[in-house]
Amino acid sequence: MSAEEKNPHLRSACMALYIVTGAGGVLQFFDGLLLVSLVILGIAWFMAKAQRIAARGTIYASHAEWAARTMSIGGTVLFPIALLIGCFIIWHSVDIDALKTSIQNDEADNLGAVVQGFLTSNMEKISHITDIASLPPTFWWVRRCWVGLLRAKQKIPIDYPHSWL
């Protein structure tokens, strides 16, 4: 009797891991949902750790590694890169001169109004830039979770669980 036959719940747990990982990964790129996504990713991280232990010696061990790598690469590499690219583009594409001048002149009493005016006049542009900067990592995250979910459903191991793609 194989390890998969002894533990039929491994496949369901693996598929649930992909769903939770995918949801947490996608939510981190939406405005105002970063804290929610961090809680979900924390749950997914614990699920991946438990899955690694439970799935040793089965095809689902590669899935647990794949999901853990998805969280690791997405959260520590792609999310910060998307954030930096978004900040760089925002810095160079919005009218930030009034804000720079106020900060340089140390106008503490007027700074709040200047920041509020800057955000009001540039919020739509900032929102579009952050949406565009977060699209590639979001698609990457969804693709990895989708591929893993389909392979787990078909009872096929991940060929290269340490791959970035």
N, C-alpha and C. Protein backbone atom coordinates (compact mmCIF):
# COMPACT_ATOMS: atom_id res chain seq x y z
N MET A 1 0.84 -1.18 0.00
CA MET A 1 0.00 0.00 0.00
C MET A 1 0.89 1.25 0.00
N SER A 2 0.62 2.18 -0.92
CA SER A 2 1.46 3.39 -1.04
C SER A 2 1.12 4.39 0.06
N ALA A 3 2.01 5.35 0.23
CA ALA A 3 1.80 6.39 1.24
C ALA A 3 0.56 7.22 0.93
N GLU A 4 0.29 7.43 -0.37
CA GLU A 4 -0.91 8.18 -0.76
C GLU A 4 -2.18 7.42 -0.38
N GLU A 5 -2.16 6.10 -0.54
CA GLU A 5 -3.32 5.28 -0.19
C GLU A 5 -3.53 5.24 1.32
N LYS A 6 -2.43 5.26 2.09
CA LYS A 6 -2.53 5.27 3.55
C LYS A 6 -3.07 6.61 4.07
N ASN A 7 -2.77 7.69 3.35
CA ASN A 7 -3.18 9.04 3.76
C ASN A 7 -3.94 9.72 2.63
N PRO A 8 -5.20 9.38 2.41
CA PRO A 8 -5.94 9.97 1.30
C PRO A 8 -6.20 11.47 1.46
N HIS A 9 -6.05 11.97 2.67
CA HIS A 9 -6.28 13.39 2.90
C HIS A 9 -5.14 14.27 2.36
N LEU A 10 -4.01 13.69 2.02
CA LEU A 10 -2.86 14.48 1.53
C LEU A 10 -3.22 15.28 0.29
N ARG A 11 -3.93 14.67 -0.63
CA ARG A 11 -4.30 15.36 -1.87
C ARG A 11 -5.21 16.54 -1.57
N SER A 12 -6.20 16.35 -0.72
CA SER A 12 -7.12 17.44 -0.36
C SER A 12 -6.39 18.55 0.38
N ALA A 13 -5.50 18.17 1.29
CA ALA A 13 -4.73 19.17 2.04
C ALA A 13 -3.82 19.95 1.10
N CYS A 14 -3.25 19.27 0.13
CA CYS A 14 -2.38 19.92 -0.84
C CYS A 14 -3.17 20.92 -1.70
N MET A 15 -4.34 20.53 -2.13
CA MET A 15 -5.17 21.41 -2.94
C MET A 15 -5.63 22.62 -2.12
N ALA A 16 -5.97 22.39 -0.85
CA ALA A 16 -6.36 23.50 0.03
C ALA A 16 -5.18 24.45 0.23
N LEU A 17 -3.98 23.90 0.34
CA LEU A 17 -2.78 24.73 0.48
C LEU A 17 -2.61 25.65 -0.71
N TYR A 18 -2.83 25.15 -1.92
CA TYR A 18 -2.73 26.00 -3.11
C TYR A 18 -3.78 27.09 -3.13
N ILE A 19 -4.98 26.78 -2.71
CA ILE A 19 -6.05 27.77 -2.70
C ILE A 19 -5.74 28.88 -1.69
N VAL A 20 -5.31 28.50 -0.50
CA VAL A 20 -4.98 29.50 0.53
C VAL A 20 -3.76 30.31 0.11
N THR A 21 -2.74 29.66 -0.43
CA THR A 21 -1.55 30.36 -0.89
C THR A 21 -1.88 31.32 -2.02
N GLY A 22 -2.69 30.89 -2.95
CA GLY A 22 -3.10 31.75 -4.07
C GLY A 22 -3.87 32.96 -3.59
N ALA A 23 -4.81 32.75 -2.68
CA ALA A 23 -5.61 33.87 -2.15
C ALA A 23 -4.72 34.87 -1.41
N GLY A 24 -3.85 34.37 -0.55
CA GLY A 24 -2.96 35.26 0.19
C GLY A 24 -2.01 36.02 -0.72
N GLY A 25 -1.52 35.33 -1.73
CA GLY A 25 -0.60 35.97 -2.66
C GLY A 25 -1.24 37.05 -3.49
N VAL A 26 -2.44 36.81 -3.94
CA VAL A 26 -3.14 37.81 -4.76
C VAL A 26 -3.57 39.00 -3.91
N LEU A 27 -4.04 38.75 -2.72
CA LEU A 27 -4.53 39.84 -1.87
C LEU A 27 -3.43 40.81 -1.45
N GLN A 28 -2.18 40.36 -1.39
CA GLN A 28 -1.11 41.26 -0.96
C GLN A 28 -0.88 42.41 -1.94
N PHE A 29 -1.35 42.25 -3.17
CA PHE A 29 -1.15 43.29 -4.17
C PHE A 29 -2.33 44.25 -4.30
N PHE A 30 -3.35 44.11 -3.44
CA PHE A 30 -4.50 45.01 -3.49
C PHE A 30 -4.40 46.03 -2.37
N ASP A 31 -4.78 47.27 -2.70
CA ASP A 31 -4.73 48.35 -1.72
C ASP A 31 -5.59 48.01 -0.50
N GLY A 32 -5.03 48.19 0.67
CA GLY A 32 -5.76 48.03 1.91
C GLY A 32 -5.90 46.59 2.38
N LEU A 33 -5.40 45.62 1.65
CA LEU A 33 -5.56 44.21 2.04
C LEU A 33 -4.25 43.55 2.40
N LEU A 34 -3.20 44.31 2.57
CA LEU A 34 -1.89 43.73 2.88
C LEU A 34 -1.92 42.98 4.20
N LEU A 35 -2.52 43.56 5.23
CA LEU A 35 -2.58 42.89 6.53
C LEU A 35 -3.37 41.58 6.45
N VAL A 36 -4.50 41.61 5.75
CA VAL A 36 -5.31 40.40 5.56
C VAL A 36 -4.49 39.33 4.84
N SER A 37 -3.78 39.74 3.79
CA SER A 37 -2.99 38.77 3.03
C SER A 37 -1.86 38.20 3.88
N LEU A 38 -1.26 39.01 4.74
CA LEU A 38 -0.19 38.51 5.60
C LEU A 38 -0.71 37.46 6.58
N VAL A 39 -1.92 37.67 7.09
CA VAL A 39 -2.52 36.67 7.98
C VAL A 39 -2.79 35.38 7.19
N ILE A 40 -3.35 35.51 6.00
CA ILE A 40 -3.63 34.33 5.17
C ILE A 40 -2.33 33.62 4.80
N LEU A 41 -1.30 34.39 4.43
CA LEU A 41 -0.01 33.77 4.09
C LEU A 41 0.64 33.11 5.30
N GLY A 42 0.43 33.67 6.48
CA GLY A 42 0.92 33.02 7.71
C GLY A 42 0.25 31.67 7.91
N ILE A 43 -1.05 31.62 7.67
CA ILE A 43 -1.78 30.35 7.76
C ILE A 43 -1.25 29.38 6.71
N ALA A 44 -1.06 29.88 5.48
CA ALA A 44 -0.55 29.03 4.40
C ALA A 44 0.86 28.53 4.72
N TRP A 45 1.67 29.36 5.34
CA TRP A 45 3.03 28.95 5.71
C TRP A 45 2.98 27.78 6.69
N PHE A 46 2.12 27.89 7.72
CA PHE A 46 1.97 26.79 8.67
C PHE A 46 1.41 25.54 7.98
N MET A 47 0.48 25.74 7.05
CA MET A 47 -0.06 24.60 6.29
C MET A 47 1.05 23.92 5.48
N ALA A 48 1.91 24.72 4.87
CA ALA A 48 3.01 24.16 4.07
C ALA A 48 3.98 23.38 4.96
N LYS A 49 4.28 23.91 6.14
CA LYS A 49 5.17 23.20 7.07
C LYS A 49 4.56 21.86 7.48
N ALA A 50 3.27 21.88 7.81
CA ALA A 50 2.59 20.64 8.20
C ALA A 50 2.53 19.66 7.03
N GLN A 51 2.29 20.21 5.83
CA GLN A 51 2.21 19.36 4.64
C GLN A 51 3.56 18.73 4.33
N ARG A 52 4.64 19.48 4.53
CA ARG A 52 5.99 18.92 4.30
C ARG A 52 6.23 17.71 5.19
N ILE A 53 5.82 17.81 6.43
CA ILE A 53 6.02 16.70 7.37
C ILE A 53 5.12 15.53 7.01
N ALA A 54 3.85 15.81 6.75
CA ALA A 54 2.89 14.73 6.47
C ALA A 54 3.14 14.06 5.13
N ALA A 55 3.69 14.81 4.18
CA ALA A 55 3.80 14.29 2.81
C ALA A 55 5.17 13.68 2.50
N ARG A 56 6.02 13.56 3.47
CA ARG A 56 7.35 12.96 3.21
C ARG A 56 7.21 11.62 2.52
N GLY A 57 7.98 11.46 1.46
CA GLY A 57 7.98 10.20 0.75
C GLY A 57 6.82 10.01 -0.22
N THR A 58 6.02 11.06 -0.41
CA THR A 58 4.89 10.96 -1.35
C THR A 58 5.09 11.99 -2.46
N ILE A 59 4.22 11.92 -3.46
CA ILE A 59 4.30 12.91 -4.54
C ILE A 59 3.94 14.30 -4.03
N TYR A 60 3.22 14.37 -2.90
CA TYR A 60 2.78 15.67 -2.39
C TYR A 60 3.88 16.43 -1.65
N ALA A 61 5.00 15.78 -1.39
CA ALA A 61 6.14 16.49 -0.81
C ALA A 61 6.65 17.55 -1.77
N SER A 62 6.65 17.25 -3.07
CA SER A 62 7.09 18.24 -4.06
C SER A 62 6.09 19.40 -4.12
N HIS A 63 4.84 19.12 -3.89
CA HIS A 63 3.82 20.18 -3.89
C HIS A 63 4.00 21.11 -2.69
N ALA A 64 4.29 20.53 -1.53
CA ALA A 64 4.52 21.36 -0.34
C ALA A 64 5.73 22.26 -0.55
N GLU A 65 6.77 21.73 -1.16
CA GLU A 65 7.97 22.53 -1.45
C GLU A 65 7.65 23.63 -2.45
N TRP A 66 6.90 23.28 -3.49
CA TRP A 66 6.51 24.24 -4.53
C TRP A 66 5.71 25.39 -3.93
N ALA A 67 4.74 25.08 -3.07
CA ALA A 67 3.92 26.11 -2.43
C ALA A 67 4.76 26.98 -1.51
N ALA A 68 5.66 26.35 -0.75
CA ALA A 68 6.53 27.12 0.15
C ALA A 68 7.44 28.05 -0.65
N ARG A 69 7.97 27.56 -1.77
CA ARG A 69 8.83 28.40 -2.62
C ARG A 69 8.03 29.53 -3.25
N THR A 70 6.78 29.27 -3.59
CA THR A 70 5.93 30.32 -4.14
C THR A 70 5.79 31.45 -3.13
N MET A 71 5.52 31.11 -1.89
CA MET A 71 5.39 32.14 -0.86
C MET A 71 6.71 32.85 -0.62
N SER A 72 7.79 32.09 -0.59
CA SER A 72 9.10 32.67 -0.33
C SER A 72 9.53 33.62 -1.44
N ILE A 73 9.46 33.18 -2.67
CA ILE A 73 9.89 34.01 -3.80
C ILE A 73 8.94 35.19 -3.97
N GLY A 74 7.66 34.92 -3.91
CA GLY A 74 6.68 36.00 -4.10
C GLY A 74 6.73 37.05 -3.02
N GLY A 75 6.84 36.62 -1.77
CA GLY A 75 6.80 37.56 -0.66
C GLY A 75 8.10 38.28 -0.38
N THR A 76 9.23 37.63 -0.66
CA THR A 76 10.51 38.26 -0.31
C THR A 76 11.26 38.82 -1.52
N VAL A 77 10.83 38.46 -2.72
CA VAL A 77 11.52 38.95 -3.91
C VAL A 77 10.57 39.77 -4.80
N LEU A 78 9.53 39.14 -5.28
CA LEU A 78 8.67 39.80 -6.26
C LEU A 78 7.85 40.95 -5.68
N PHE A 79 7.27 40.77 -4.50
CA PHE A 79 6.49 41.86 -3.89
C PHE A 79 7.37 43.08 -3.62
N PRO A 80 8.54 42.94 -3.00
CA PRO A 80 9.38 44.12 -2.80
C PRO A 80 9.86 44.76 -4.12
N ILE A 81 10.16 43.95 -5.13
CA ILE A 81 10.57 44.51 -6.42
C ILE A 81 9.43 45.30 -7.04
N ALA A 82 8.21 44.76 -7.00
CA ALA A 82 7.05 45.48 -7.53
C ALA A 82 6.83 46.78 -6.77
N LEU A 83 7.03 46.74 -5.47
CA LEU A 83 6.88 47.94 -4.65
C LEU A 83 7.92 49.00 -5.02
N LEU A 84 9.17 48.58 -5.18
CA LEU A 84 10.23 49.52 -5.56
C LEU A 84 10.01 50.11 -6.96
N ILE A 85 9.61 49.26 -7.90
CA ILE A 85 9.34 49.75 -9.26
C ILE A 85 8.20 50.73 -9.24
N GLY A 86 7.13 50.40 -8.51
CA GLY A 86 5.99 51.32 -8.40
C GLY A 86 6.40 52.64 -7.79
N CYS A 87 7.18 52.61 -6.70
CA CYS A 87 7.63 53.86 -6.06
C CYS A 87 8.52 54.68 -7.00
N PHE A 88 9.40 54.00 -7.73
CA PHE A 88 10.28 54.69 -8.67
C PHE A 88 9.46 55.39 -9.77
N ILE A 89 8.51 54.69 -10.33
CA ILE A 89 7.68 55.27 -11.40
C ILE A 89 6.83 56.41 -10.85
N ILE A 90 6.28 56.23 -9.66
CA ILE A 90 5.47 57.30 -9.06
C ILE A 90 6.34 58.53 -8.82
N TRP A 91 7.52 58.33 -8.28
CA TRP A 91 8.42 59.45 -7.98
C TRP A 91 8.74 60.26 -9.23
N HIS A 92 8.88 59.57 -10.37
CA HIS A 92 9.27 60.26 -11.59
C HIS A 92 8.10 60.66 -12.49
N SER A 93 6.88 60.32 -12.13
CA SER A 93 5.78 60.64 -13.04
C SER A 93 4.69 61.51 -12.43
N VAL A 94 4.79 61.86 -11.16
CA VAL A 94 3.81 62.76 -10.57
C VAL A 94 4.48 64.09 -10.23
N ASP A 95 3.67 65.11 -10.07
CA ASP A 95 4.19 66.43 -9.74
C ASP A 95 4.45 66.48 -8.23
N ILE A 96 5.70 66.28 -7.88
CA ILE A 96 6.07 66.17 -6.47
C ILE A 96 6.86 67.39 -5.99
N ASP A 97 7.01 68.39 -6.85
CA ASP A 97 7.83 69.56 -6.51
C ASP A 97 7.32 70.32 -5.28
N ALA A 98 6.02 70.53 -5.17
CA ALA A 98 5.48 71.25 -4.01
C ALA A 98 5.74 70.49 -2.73
N LEU A 99 5.61 69.18 -2.79
CA LEU A 99 5.88 68.36 -1.62
C LEU A 99 7.36 68.41 -1.25
N LYS A 100 8.24 68.33 -2.25
CA LYS A 100 9.69 68.42 -2.00
C LYS A 100 10.04 69.77 -1.37
N THR A 101 9.49 70.83 -1.92
CA THR A 101 9.79 72.18 -1.42
C THR A 101 9.35 72.35 0.03
N SER A 102 8.15 71.86 0.35
CA SER A 102 7.65 71.97 1.72
C SER A 102 8.50 71.18 2.70
N ILE A 103 8.92 70.02 2.29
CA ILE A 103 9.76 69.19 3.17
C ILE A 103 11.13 69.83 3.35
N GLN A 104 11.69 70.36 2.27
CA GLN A 104 13.01 71.00 2.36
C GLN A 104 12.97 72.27 3.18
N ASN A 105 11.87 73.02 3.11
CA ASN A 105 11.74 74.27 3.86
C ASN A 105 11.27 74.04 5.29
N ASP A 106 11.02 72.80 5.66
CA ASP A 106 10.60 72.42 7.01
C ASP A 106 9.36 73.19 7.45
N GLU A 107 8.38 73.22 6.57
CA GLU A 107 7.12 73.89 6.89
C GLU A 107 6.20 72.89 7.58
N ALA A 108 6.47 72.61 8.84
CA ALA A 108 5.74 71.58 9.58
C ALA A 108 4.26 71.91 9.72
N ASP A 109 3.93 73.19 9.90
CA ASP A 109 2.52 73.55 10.09
C ASP A 109 1.71 73.41 8.80
N ASN A 110 2.35 73.53 7.66
CA ASN A 110 1.66 73.46 6.36
C ASN A 110 1.87 72.11 5.68
N LEU A 111 2.72 71.26 6.23
CA LEU A 111 3.08 70.02 5.58
C LEU A 111 1.88 69.09 5.38
N GLY A 112 1.02 68.98 6.36
CA GLY A 112 -0.16 68.11 6.25
C GLY A 112 -1.05 68.52 5.09
N ALA A 113 -1.26 69.82 4.94
CA ALA A 113 -2.10 70.32 3.85
C ALA A 113 -1.43 70.08 2.50
N VAL A 114 -0.12 70.24 2.46
CA VAL A 114 0.60 70.01 1.20
C VAL A 114 0.53 68.54 0.81
N VAL A 115 0.75 67.64 1.77
CA VAL A 115 0.67 66.21 1.49
C VAL A 115 -0.74 65.83 1.05
N GLN A 116 -1.75 66.35 1.74
CA GLN A 116 -3.13 66.07 1.38
C GLN A 116 -3.45 66.56 -0.03
N GLY A 117 -2.98 67.75 -0.36
CA GLY A 117 -3.19 68.28 -1.71
C GLY A 117 -2.48 67.44 -2.77
N PHE A 118 -1.27 67.01 -2.46
CA PHE A 118 -0.52 66.16 -3.38
C PHE A 118 -1.26 64.85 -3.63
N LEU A 119 -1.70 64.20 -2.56
CA LEU A 119 -2.40 62.92 -2.71
C LEU A 119 -3.73 63.08 -3.44
N THR A 120 -4.45 64.15 -3.15
CA THR A 120 -5.74 64.38 -3.81
C THR A 120 -5.56 64.56 -5.31
N SER A 121 -4.56 65.33 -5.70
CA SER A 121 -4.38 65.62 -7.13
C SER A 121 -3.72 64.47 -7.89
N ASN A 122 -3.05 63.56 -7.20
CA ASN A 122 -2.31 62.49 -7.89
C ASN A 122 -2.79 61.08 -7.58
N MET A 123 -3.86 60.93 -6.81
CA MET A 123 -4.27 59.60 -6.37
C MET A 123 -4.63 58.67 -7.53
N GLU A 124 -5.29 59.16 -8.52
CA GLU A 124 -5.68 58.30 -9.64
C GLU A 124 -4.44 57.78 -10.38
N LYS A 125 -3.48 58.66 -10.62
CA LYS A 125 -2.24 58.25 -11.30
C LYS A 125 -1.46 57.24 -10.45
N ILE A 126 -1.36 57.51 -9.15
CA ILE A 126 -0.66 56.60 -8.24
C ILE A 126 -1.34 55.23 -8.23
N SER A 127 -2.65 55.22 -8.20
CA SER A 127 -3.39 53.97 -8.20
C SER A 127 -3.15 53.16 -9.47
N HIS A 128 -3.15 53.83 -10.62
CA HIS A 128 -2.89 53.13 -11.89
C HIS A 128 -1.47 52.57 -11.93
N ILE A 129 -0.52 53.33 -11.46
CA ILE A 129 0.88 52.88 -11.47
C ILE A 129 1.06 51.66 -10.57
N THR A 130 0.48 51.69 -9.38
CA THR A 130 0.62 50.54 -8.48
C THR A 130 -0.09 49.31 -9.04
N ASP A 131 -1.21 49.53 -9.70
CA ASP A 131 -1.91 48.39 -10.33
C ASP A 131 -1.04 47.76 -11.41
N ILE A 132 -0.45 48.58 -12.25
CA ILE A 132 0.39 48.07 -13.34
C ILE A 132 1.64 47.39 -12.79
N ALA A 133 2.26 47.98 -11.77
CA ALA A 133 3.48 47.39 -11.20
C ALA A 133 3.21 46.05 -10.52
N SER A 134 1.99 45.86 -10.01
CA SER A 134 1.70 44.61 -9.30
C SER A 134 1.15 43.50 -10.20
N LEU A 135 0.84 43.80 -11.45
CA LEU A 135 0.29 42.77 -12.34
C LEU A 135 1.25 41.59 -12.61
N PRO A 136 2.49 41.82 -13.01
CA PRO A 136 3.37 40.66 -13.29
C PRO A 136 3.55 39.72 -12.10
N PRO A 137 3.83 40.23 -10.88
CA PRO A 137 3.96 39.28 -9.76
C PRO A 137 2.65 38.57 -9.43
N THR A 138 1.53 39.27 -9.60
CA THR A 138 0.24 38.64 -9.32
C THR A 138 -0.02 37.50 -10.30
N PHE A 139 0.24 37.74 -11.58
CA PHE A 139 0.06 36.68 -12.59
C PHE A 139 1.01 35.51 -12.33
N TRP A 140 2.25 35.82 -11.95
CA TRP A 140 3.22 34.76 -11.64
C TRP A 140 2.69 33.90 -10.49
N TRP A 141 2.21 34.54 -9.43
CA TRP A 141 1.72 33.85 -8.24
C TRP A 141 0.53 32.96 -8.59
N VAL A 142 -0.43 33.53 -9.33
CA VAL A 142 -1.62 32.77 -9.71
C VAL A 142 -1.24 31.59 -10.60
N ARG A 143 -0.32 31.80 -11.53
CA ARG A 143 0.11 30.72 -12.42
C ARG A 143 0.72 29.57 -11.63
N ARG A 144 1.59 29.87 -10.67
CA ARG A 144 2.22 28.81 -9.87
C ARG A 144 1.19 28.04 -9.05
N CYS A 145 0.27 28.76 -8.45
CA CYS A 145 -0.77 28.07 -7.66
C CYS A 145 -1.69 27.26 -8.57
N TRP A 146 -2.02 27.78 -9.73
CA TRP A 146 -2.89 27.07 -10.66
C TRP A 146 -2.21 25.79 -11.18
N VAL A 147 -0.95 25.90 -11.57
CA VAL A 147 -0.21 24.73 -12.05
C VAL A 147 -0.13 23.68 -10.95
N GLY A 148 0.20 24.10 -9.74
CA GLY A 148 0.28 23.16 -8.63
C GLY A 148 -1.05 22.51 -8.31
N LEU A 149 -2.11 23.30 -8.33
CA LEU A 149 -3.44 22.78 -8.05
C LEU A 149 -3.85 21.74 -9.08
N LEU A 150 -3.62 22.03 -10.35
CA LEU A 150 -3.98 21.08 -11.40
C LEU A 150 -3.17 19.79 -11.29
N ARG A 151 -1.88 19.93 -11.00
CA ARG A 151 -1.04 18.73 -10.89
C ARG A 151 -1.42 17.92 -9.64
N ALA A 152 -1.76 18.58 -8.55
CA ALA A 152 -2.19 17.85 -7.36
C ALA A 152 -3.52 17.13 -7.63
N LYS A 153 -4.41 17.80 -8.33
CA LYS A 153 -5.71 17.19 -8.66
C LYS A 153 -5.52 15.93 -9.51
N GLN A 154 -4.51 15.97 -10.40
CA GLN A 154 -4.23 14.83 -11.28
C GLN A 154 -3.28 13.82 -10.64
N LYS A 155 -2.88 14.07 -9.39
CA LYS A 155 -1.96 13.20 -8.65
C LYS A 155 -0.60 13.09 -9.35
N ILE A 156 -0.12 14.23 -9.85
CA ILE A 156 1.18 14.30 -10.53
C ILE A 156 2.11 15.16 -9.68
N PRO A 157 3.34 14.72 -9.42
CA PRO A 157 4.27 15.55 -8.63
C PRO A 157 4.76 16.75 -9.44
N ILE A 158 5.29 17.73 -8.73
CA ILE A 158 5.93 18.87 -9.37
C ILE A 158 7.32 18.41 -9.79
N ASP A 159 7.64 18.60 -11.07
CA ASP A 159 8.92 18.12 -11.60
C ASP A 159 10.12 18.84 -10.98
N TYR A 160 10.04 20.15 -10.90
CA TYR A 160 11.14 20.95 -10.38
C TYR A 160 10.61 21.87 -9.29
N PRO A 161 10.44 21.37 -8.06
CA PRO A 161 9.83 22.18 -7.02
C PRO A 161 10.66 23.39 -6.59
N HIS A 162 11.94 23.42 -6.92
CA HIS A 162 12.79 24.57 -6.53
C HIS A 162 12.88 25.61 -7.63
N SER A 163 12.17 25.40 -8.72
CA SER A 163 12.20 26.33 -9.86
C SER A 163 11.54 27.67 -9.51
N TRP A 164 11.98 28.71 -10.15
CA TRP A 164 11.37 30.03 -10.00
C TRP A 164 10.17 30.19 -10.93
N LEU A 165 10.09 29.36 -11.94
CA LEU A 165 9.00 29.49 -12.89
C LEU A 165 7.92 28.51 -12.52
